């Protein structure tokens, strides 16, 4: 393959960045790529592809940090430029200029660690605190009064919507996610892939947080009547109503919620008769 060395970046995905093999002499040369013109391209620690920063250590911390920084700057700019702090004006500014920066391609990088969730949620927390008449409210109460969902809850909602699109072949199913139609009471269930028995324990976290696992698990929470919606508009409305039946208390600095606030955690704490999973 002929590559233009000025337009290409090399990214080596390393699952074991602390491996002693990487410290050996000349090991780094194995990860270099030499073009047909004799130019050597050295690997980068992170590469930006279609607006998403992909790191060589298989984590999304750099992307999330950059994203939160950009959203915070936009939030500060909007608050400095517009003096009106009314609910309508502030929510319009937030939804059109700030929130979109925190949700771009979120089903891909959706974090599970508390630190990342708190960092993302803090942008919405601080912006909504500037809305006139809502400054005195606790963040959770502010969400309810403003009829907003936490950013964490919205990310899971996006994942569920994407699962619906996969089932109806409206987007590429690159992960080969399959659905079982055999359960009439619960509706179609997504098949959760199993971790290979020979995999090491450190890969368990990567497996648990991957879209191929989280997506099917969230889909399986839905009741049959929600899954049966045949248009994207009606399905979105039904999913919003379903998500609203669960408490929405995202992890934020200074507060200790009862769990990670994932729909999976809330469903697990419900009596078995109220669970929607098999």
Protein backbone atom coordinates (compact mmCIF):
# COMPACT_ATOMS: atom_id res chain seq x y z
CA UNK A 1 0.00 0.00 0.00
CA UNK A 2 1.37 3.42 -0.99
CA UNK A 3 0.90 5.93 1.84
CA UNK A 4 1.45 9.68 1.91
CA UNK A 5 3.58 10.03 5.03
CA UNK A 6 2.31 13.58 5.66
CA UNK A 7 -1.34 12.51 5.73
CA UNK A 8 -1.22 9.26 7.68
CA UNK A 9 -0.76 8.45 11.34
CA UNK A 10 0.13 5.08 12.80
CA UNK A 11 -1.71 3.77 15.86
CA UNK A 12 -0.75 0.53 17.59
CA UNK A 13 -3.39 -0.76 19.98
CA UNK A 14 -1.60 -2.25 22.97
CA UNK A 15 -3.65 -4.17 25.49
CA UNK A 16 -0.66 -4.57 27.82
CA UNK A 17 1.18 -1.25 27.78
CA UNK A 18 3.17 -2.15 30.90
CA UNK A 19 4.59 -5.30 29.38
CA UNK A 20 8.28 -5.76 30.04
CA UNK A 21 8.73 -6.68 26.38
CA UNK A 22 8.16 -3.05 25.44
CA UNK A 23 11.18 -2.03 27.51
CA UNK A 24 13.61 -4.23 25.58
CA UNK A 25 16.08 -2.61 23.13
CA UNK A 26 14.87 -2.23 19.56
CA UNK A 27 11.31 -3.28 20.50
CA UNK A 28 9.96 0.13 19.48
CA UNK A 29 11.29 -0.43 15.95
CA UNK A 30 8.84 -3.30 15.54
CA UNK A 31 5.95 -0.83 15.73
CA UNK A 32 7.30 1.55 13.10
CA UNK A 33 6.04 1.51 9.52
CA UNK A 34 8.27 2.29 6.57
CA UNK A 35 6.56 3.61 3.44
CA UNK A 36 7.54 2.72 -0.10
CA UNK A 37 9.44 6.01 -0.24
CA UNK A 38 11.60 4.97 2.69
CA UNK A 39 9.95 7.32 5.18
CA UNK A 40 9.46 5.85 8.66
CA UNK A 41 6.14 6.57 10.42
CA UNK A 42 6.38 6.16 14.18
CA UNK A 43 3.28 5.19 16.18
CA UNK A 44 1.23 7.86 17.91
CA UNK A 45 -0.23 7.53 21.38
CA UNK A 46 -3.59 8.81 20.13
CA UNK A 47 -5.23 9.50 16.78
CA UNK A 48 -8.31 11.59 16.02
CA UNK A 49 -10.65 9.84 13.61
CA UNK A 50 -13.94 11.46 12.59
CA UNK A 51 -13.94 13.61 15.71
CA UNK A 52 -13.17 10.77 18.14
CA UNK A 53 -9.77 10.44 19.82
CA UNK A 54 -8.65 6.80 19.87
CA UNK A 55 -5.80 6.01 22.27
CA UNK A 56 -3.29 3.23 21.94
CA UNK A 57 -4.01 2.00 25.49
CA UNK A 58 -7.64 1.17 24.58
CA UNK A 59 -9.04 3.79 26.95
CA UNK A 60 -11.27 6.80 26.26
CA UNK A 61 -9.84 9.06 28.95
CA UNK A 62 -8.07 11.38 26.51
CA UNK A 63 -11.14 11.75 24.31
CA UNK A 64 -13.40 12.42 27.30
CA UNK A 65 -10.95 14.94 28.78
CA UNK A 66 -10.70 16.83 25.49
CA UNK A 67 -14.46 16.71 24.95
CA UNK A 68 -15.23 18.02 28.46
CA UNK A 69 -12.66 20.79 28.01
CA UNK A 70 -14.22 21.93 24.73
CA UNK A 71 -17.75 21.82 26.18
CA UNK A 72 -16.62 23.79 29.23
CA UNK A 73 -15.09 26.49 27.03
CA UNK A 74 -18.26 26.70 24.95
CA UNK A 75 -20.35 26.91 28.13
CA UNK A 76 -18.22 29.75 29.48
CA UNK A 77 -18.39 31.58 26.14
CA UNK A 78 -22.20 31.30 25.99
CA UNK A 79 -22.63 32.49 29.59
CA UNK A 80 -20.35 35.46 29.00
CA UNK A 81 -22.04 36.50 25.76
CA UNK A 82 -25.70 36.09 26.78
CA UNK A 83 -26.85 37.86 29.93
CA UNK A 84 -30.39 36.41 29.95
CA UNK A 85 -30.59 33.65 32.56
CA UNK A 86 -34.22 32.68 31.98
CA UNK A 87 -35.10 29.00 31.67
CA UNK A 88 -36.05 29.12 27.99
CA UNK A 89 -32.94 31.02 26.89
CA UNK A 90 -30.52 28.99 28.98
CA UNK A 91 -31.90 25.62 27.93
CA UNK A 92 -31.85 26.69 24.28
CA UNK A 93 -28.20 27.71 24.58
CA UNK A 94 -27.29 24.55 26.43
CA UNK A 95 -29.04 22.09 24.14
CA UNK A 96 -27.85 23.73 20.91
CA UNK A 97 -24.28 24.69 21.82
CA UNK A 98 -23.02 22.66 24.77
CA UNK A 99 -24.78 19.33 25.14
CA UNK A 100 -24.15 18.29 21.55
CA UNK A 101 -20.41 18.46 22.26
CA UNK A 102 -20.82 16.01 25.14
CA UNK A 103 -22.80 13.41 23.21
CA UNK A 104 -21.16 13.10 19.81
CA UNK A 105 -20.67 9.39 19.05
CA UNK A 106 -21.33 8.55 22.72
CA UNK A 107 -22.40 4.89 22.18
CA UNK A 108 -18.79 4.25 21.15
CA UNK A 109 -16.96 5.81 24.12
CA UNK A 110 -19.68 5.53 26.80
CA UNK A 111 -17.67 5.41 30.09
CA UNK A 112 -18.32 3.14 33.06
CA UNK A 113 -15.79 4.57 35.53
CA UNK A 114 -17.15 7.05 38.07
CA UNK A 115 -14.44 9.67 37.46
CA UNK A 116 -15.29 10.04 33.76
CA UNK A 117 -19.04 10.07 34.42
CA UNK A 118 -18.59 12.81 37.02
CA UNK A 119 -16.40 14.90 34.70
CA UNK A 120 -18.97 14.81 31.90
CA UNK A 121 -21.93 15.37 34.22
CA UNK A 122 -20.24 18.38 35.85
CA UNK A 123 -20.67 20.45 32.68
CA UNK A 124 -24.45 20.07 32.76
CA UNK A 125 -24.48 20.46 36.53
CA UNK A 126 -22.66 23.80 36.45
CA UNK A 127 -24.56 25.21 33.47
CA UNK A 128 -28.02 24.45 34.85
CA UNK A 129 -27.02 26.01 38.18
CA UNK A 130 -26.84 29.38 36.38
CA UNK A 131 -30.51 29.24 35.36
CA UNK A 132 -32.55 31.86 37.19
CA UNK A 133 -34.78 30.37 39.88
CA UNK A 134 -32.99 27.00 39.99
CA UNK A 135 -29.69 27.92 41.69
CA UNK A 136 -30.82 26.74 45.11
CA UNK A 137 -31.91 23.27 43.99
CA UNK A 138 -29.90 20.09 44.38
CA UNK A 139 -28.71 18.83 40.99
CA UNK A 140 -31.08 15.85 41.05
CA UNK A 141 -34.04 18.13 41.84
CA UNK A 142 -32.90 20.55 39.15
CA UNK A 143 -32.99 17.76 36.55
CA UNK A 144 -36.58 16.91 37.49
CA UNK A 145 -37.77 20.54 37.52
CA UNK A 146 -36.12 21.29 34.18
CA UNK A 147 -37.34 17.97 32.72
CA UNK A 148 -33.81 17.00 31.80
CA UNK A 149 -32.20 13.60 31.91
CA UNK A 150 -28.66 13.16 33.16
CA UNK A 151 -26.06 12.86 30.42
CA UNK A 152 -25.36 9.34 31.67
CA UNK A 153 -29.02 8.34 31.23
CA UNK A 154 -29.13 9.93 27.77
CA UNK A 155 -26.08 7.92 26.68
CA UNK A 156 -27.79 4.67 27.64
CA UNK A 157 -30.91 5.82 25.83
CA UNK A 158 -28.85 6.43 22.69
CA UNK A 159 -27.40 2.92 22.97
CA UNK A 160 -30.90 1.43 23.19
CA UNK A 161 -32.04 3.43 20.16
CA UNK A 162 -29.00 2.21 18.23
CA UNK A 163 -29.92 -1.36 19.14
CA UNK A 164 -33.38 -0.78 17.65
CA UNK A 165 -31.73 0.45 14.44
CA UNK A 166 -29.53 -2.66 14.36
CA UNK A 167 -32.54 -4.92 14.71
CA UNK A 168 -34.33 -3.16 11.85
CA UNK A 169 -31.18 -3.12 9.66
CA UNK A 170 -31.05 0.68 9.57
CA UNK A 171 -27.31 0.76 10.26
CA UNK A 172 -24.37 -1.61 9.69
CA UNK A 173 -24.19 -4.50 12.17
CA UNK A 174 -20.40 -4.72 12.23
CA UNK A 175 -20.41 -6.42 15.65
CA UNK A 176 -22.73 -9.16 14.39
CA UNK A 177 -25.23 -8.60 17.20
CA UNK A 178 -28.04 -11.13 16.89
CA UNK A 179 -31.58 -11.25 18.25
CA UNK A 180 -33.68 -14.16 19.44
CA UNK A 181 -37.40 -13.99 18.62
CA UNK A 182 -38.40 -17.05 20.65
CA UNK A 183 -39.60 -15.31 23.84
CA UNK A 184 -43.17 -14.06 23.34
CA UNK A 185 -43.53 -12.58 26.83
CA UNK A 186 -40.35 -10.52 26.78
CA UNK A 187 -40.22 -9.87 23.06
CA UNK A 188 -37.05 -10.21 20.97
CA UNK A 189 -33.93 -10.61 23.12
CA UNK A 190 -30.44 -9.61 22.07
CA UNK A 191 -27.77 -12.27 22.48
CA UNK A 192 -25.01 -11.23 24.91
CA UNK A 193 -21.65 -12.62 23.68
CA UNK A 194 -19.67 -14.66 26.15
CA UNK A 195 -16.13 -13.86 27.17
CA UNK A 196 -13.73 -16.50 25.90
CA UNK A 197 -12.78 -18.84 28.72
CA UNK A 198 -9.07 -18.46 27.98
CA UNK A 199 -9.16 -14.64 28.30
CA UNK A 200 -7.22 -13.10 31.15
CA UNK A 201 -9.03 -11.39 34.03
CA UNK A 202 -7.84 -7.91 33.03
CA UNK A 203 -9.88 -8.15 29.83
CA UNK A 204 -13.08 -8.66 31.83
CA UNK A 205 -13.54 -4.90 32.29
CA UNK A 206 -13.05 -4.22 28.58
CA UNK A 207 -15.57 -6.94 27.85
CA UNK A 208 -18.16 -5.70 30.38
CA UNK A 209 -17.98 -2.11 29.09
CA UNK A 210 -18.00 -2.90 25.36
CA UNK A 211 -20.99 -1.95 23.23
CA UNK A 212 -21.45 -5.59 22.19
CA UNK A 213 -22.24 -6.43 25.82
CA UNK A 214 -23.82 -3.24 27.19
CA UNK A 215 -26.08 -2.78 24.16
CA UNK A 216 -27.77 -6.21 24.35
CA UNK A 217 -28.11 -5.99 28.14
CA UNK A 218 -29.85 -2.61 27.95
CA UNK A 219 -32.07 -3.82 25.10
CA UNK A 220 -33.15 -6.85 27.12
CA UNK A 221 -34.40 -4.56 29.90
CA UNK A 222 -37.15 -3.19 27.67
CA UNK A 223 -40.68 -4.57 27.99
CA UNK A 224 -42.13 -6.28 24.93
CA UNK A 225 -44.52 -3.43 24.10
CA UNK A 226 -41.61 -0.97 23.80
CA UNK A 227 -39.59 -3.31 21.60
CA UNK A 228 -42.59 -3.77 19.30
CA UNK A 229 -42.74 -0.08 18.30
CA UNK A 230 -42.34 -0.03 14.53
CA UNK A 231 -41.24 3.58 13.93
CA UNK A 232 -38.18 5.34 15.28
CA UNK A 233 -40.27 8.27 16.54
CA UNK A 234 -42.66 6.12 18.56
CA UNK A 235 -39.78 3.97 19.83
CA UNK A 236 -37.86 7.02 21.08
CA UNK A 237 -40.93 8.25 22.93
CA UNK A 238 -41.54 4.82 24.47
CA UNK A 239 -37.90 4.50 25.56
CA UNK A 240 -37.99 7.95 27.16
CA UNK A 241 -41.10 6.97 29.12
CA UNK A 242 -39.52 3.68 30.16
CA UNK A 243 -36.28 5.36 31.29
CA UNK A 244 -38.30 7.88 33.30
CA UNK A 245 -39.63 5.06 35.51
CA UNK A 246 -36.15 4.68 37.01
CA UNK A 247 -34.51 7.16 39.41
CA UNK A 248 -31.92 9.39 37.75
CA UNK A 249 -29.19 10.15 40.28
CA UNK A 250 -25.90 10.32 38.36
CA UNK A 251 -22.56 10.31 40.19
CA UNK A 252 -21.49 13.89 40.87
CA UNK A 253 -18.77 15.33 43.07
CA UNK A 254 -19.83 15.73 46.67
CA UNK A 255 -22.68 13.20 46.58
CA UNK A 256 -22.79 9.44 46.98
CA UNK A 257 -25.63 7.89 44.96
CA UNK A 258 -26.95 4.41 45.84
CA UNK A 259 -25.38 2.92 42.70
CA UNK A 260 -23.73 3.91 39.41
CA UNK A 261 -27.16 5.06 38.15
CA UNK A 262 -27.07 2.74 35.16
CA UNK A 263 -30.41 1.29 34.11
CA UNK A 264 -28.78 -2.10 34.62
CA UNK A 265 -28.07 -1.29 38.27
CA UNK A 266 -31.60 -0.01 38.94
CA UNK A 267 -33.16 -3.03 37.24
CA UNK A 268 -31.01 -5.39 39.31
CA UNK A 269 -32.29 -3.77 42.52
CA UNK A 270 -35.94 -4.21 41.59
CA UNK A 271 -37.96 -7.22 42.75
CA UNK A 272 -37.69 -10.07 40.29
CA UNK A 273 -41.34 -9.68 39.33
CA UNK A 274 -40.65 -6.17 38.07
CA UNK A 275 -37.56 -6.96 36.03
CA UNK A 276 -37.82 -6.98 32.28
CA UNK A 277 -34.87 -9.31 31.68
CA UNK A 278 -35.03 -13.06 31.48
